[in-house]
Amino acid sequence: MRADWDCDFLFGLARFFHLREFLSNGAFAHALLSEMSCF
């Protein structure tokens, strides 16, 4: 289990970039999600 700040960092990134652009970059988003396991 990861520390909470990892998930906060992930959502901070998603908010910093436009969420649609962030999610549209599938490879980047998938790598981040699989690395941090927030979902």
N, C-alpha and C. Protein backbone atom coordinates (compact mmCIF):
# COMPACT_ATOMS: atom_id res chain seq x y z
N MET A 1 0.83 -1.20 0.00
CA MET A 1 0.00 0.00 0.00
C MET A 1 0.87 1.25 0.00
N ARG A 2 0.50 2.17 -0.84
CA ARG A 2 1.29 3.39 -0.98
C ARG A 2 0.87 4.46 0.03
N ALA A 3 1.76 5.41 0.24
CA ALA A 3 1.43 6.53 1.13
C ALA A 3 0.36 7.41 0.48
N ASP A 4 -0.42 8.07 1.30
CA ASP A 4 -1.53 8.90 0.79
C ASP A 4 -1.03 10.02 -0.12
N TRP A 5 0.17 10.53 0.16
CA TRP A 5 0.66 11.66 -0.65
C TRP A 5 0.86 11.27 -2.10
N ASP A 6 1.09 10.00 -2.39
CA ASP A 6 1.21 9.55 -3.77
C ASP A 6 -0.08 9.81 -4.54
N CYS A 7 -1.19 9.49 -3.91
CA CYS A 7 -2.48 9.72 -4.56
C CYS A 7 -2.78 11.21 -4.64
N ASP A 8 -2.42 11.95 -3.60
CA ASP A 8 -2.61 13.41 -3.63
C ASP A 8 -1.79 14.02 -4.77
N PHE A 9 -0.57 13.51 -4.96
CA PHE A 9 0.29 13.98 -6.03
C PHE A 9 -0.32 13.68 -7.40
N LEU A 10 -0.88 12.48 -7.54
CA LEU A 10 -1.52 12.09 -8.79
C LEU A 10 -2.68 13.01 -9.13
N PHE A 11 -3.55 13.25 -8.15
CA PHE A 11 -4.69 14.12 -8.39
C PHE A 11 -4.25 15.57 -8.58
N GLY A 12 -3.17 15.96 -7.93
CA GLY A 12 -2.60 17.29 -8.15
C GLY A 12 -2.14 17.46 -9.59
N LEU A 13 -1.49 16.43 -10.12
CA LEU A 13 -1.07 16.45 -11.53
C LEU A 13 -2.26 16.55 -12.46
N ALA A 14 -3.28 15.74 -12.18
CA ALA A 14 -4.47 15.72 -13.03
C ALA A 14 -5.16 17.08 -13.02
N ARG A 15 -5.13 17.74 -11.86
CA ARG A 15 -5.75 19.05 -11.77
C ARG A 15 -4.88 20.13 -12.42
N PHE A 16 -3.54 19.95 -12.29
CA PHE A 16 -2.61 20.93 -12.87
C PHE A 16 -2.73 20.93 -14.39
N PHE A 17 -2.70 19.75 -14.98
CA PHE A 17 -2.99 19.63 -16.40
C PHE A 17 -4.50 19.63 -16.54
N HIS A 18 -5.02 19.92 -17.69
CA HIS A 18 -6.46 19.75 -17.87
C HIS A 18 -6.76 18.26 -17.78
N LEU A 19 -7.78 17.91 -17.04
CA LEU A 19 -8.08 16.51 -16.77
C LEU A 19 -8.27 15.72 -18.06
N ARG A 20 -8.93 16.32 -19.03
CA ARG A 20 -9.17 15.63 -20.30
C ARG A 20 -7.85 15.33 -21.00
N GLU A 21 -6.94 16.28 -21.01
CA GLU A 21 -5.64 16.07 -21.66
C GLU A 21 -4.85 15.00 -20.92
N PHE A 22 -4.93 15.05 -19.59
CA PHE A 22 -4.23 14.06 -18.77
C PHE A 22 -4.72 12.65 -19.06
N LEU A 23 -6.03 12.47 -19.10
CA LEU A 23 -6.59 11.15 -19.33
C LEU A 23 -6.44 10.70 -20.78
N SER A 24 -6.39 11.67 -21.71
CA SER A 24 -6.25 11.31 -23.12
C SER A 24 -4.86 10.75 -23.42
N ASN A 25 -3.89 11.10 -22.58
CA ASN A 25 -2.55 10.54 -22.73
C ASN A 25 -2.53 9.18 -22.04
N GLY A 26 -3.12 8.20 -22.71
CA GLY A 26 -3.39 6.91 -22.11
C GLY A 26 -2.17 6.21 -21.54
N ALA A 27 -1.06 6.23 -22.25
CA ALA A 27 0.14 5.53 -21.80
C ALA A 27 0.67 6.15 -20.50
N PHE A 28 0.70 7.47 -20.46
CA PHE A 28 1.18 8.17 -19.27
C PHE A 28 0.25 7.92 -18.09
N ALA A 29 -1.05 8.07 -18.32
CA ALA A 29 -2.03 7.87 -17.26
C ALA A 29 -1.99 6.43 -16.76
N HIS A 30 -1.91 5.47 -17.66
CA HIS A 30 -1.89 4.06 -17.28
C HIS A 30 -0.65 3.73 -16.45
N ALA A 31 0.49 4.26 -16.88
CA ALA A 31 1.73 4.02 -16.14
C ALA A 31 1.65 4.61 -14.73
N LEU A 32 1.11 5.81 -14.63
CA LEU A 32 0.99 6.48 -13.34
C LEU A 32 0.03 5.72 -12.43
N LEU A 33 -1.12 5.33 -12.98
CA LEU A 33 -2.12 4.63 -12.18
C LEU A 33 -1.62 3.26 -11.73
N SER A 34 -0.97 2.54 -12.62
CA SER A 34 -0.49 1.21 -12.26
C SER A 34 0.67 1.32 -11.26
N GLU A 35 1.46 2.38 -11.36
CA GLU A 35 2.58 2.59 -10.44
C GLU A 35 2.08 2.96 -9.05
N MET A 36 1.08 3.83 -8.99
CA MET A 36 0.63 4.35 -7.70
C MET A 36 -0.51 3.54 -7.10
N SER A 37 -1.24 2.81 -7.95
CA SER A 37 -2.32 1.94 -7.48
C SER A 37 -3.34 2.69 -6.62
N CYS A 38 -3.77 3.83 -7.08
CA CYS A 38 -4.74 4.63 -6.32
C CYS A 38 -6.16 4.14 -6.56
N PHE A 39 -6.36 3.41 -7.67
CA PHE A 39 -7.72 3.03 -8.01
C PHE A 39 -7.91 1.52 -7.88
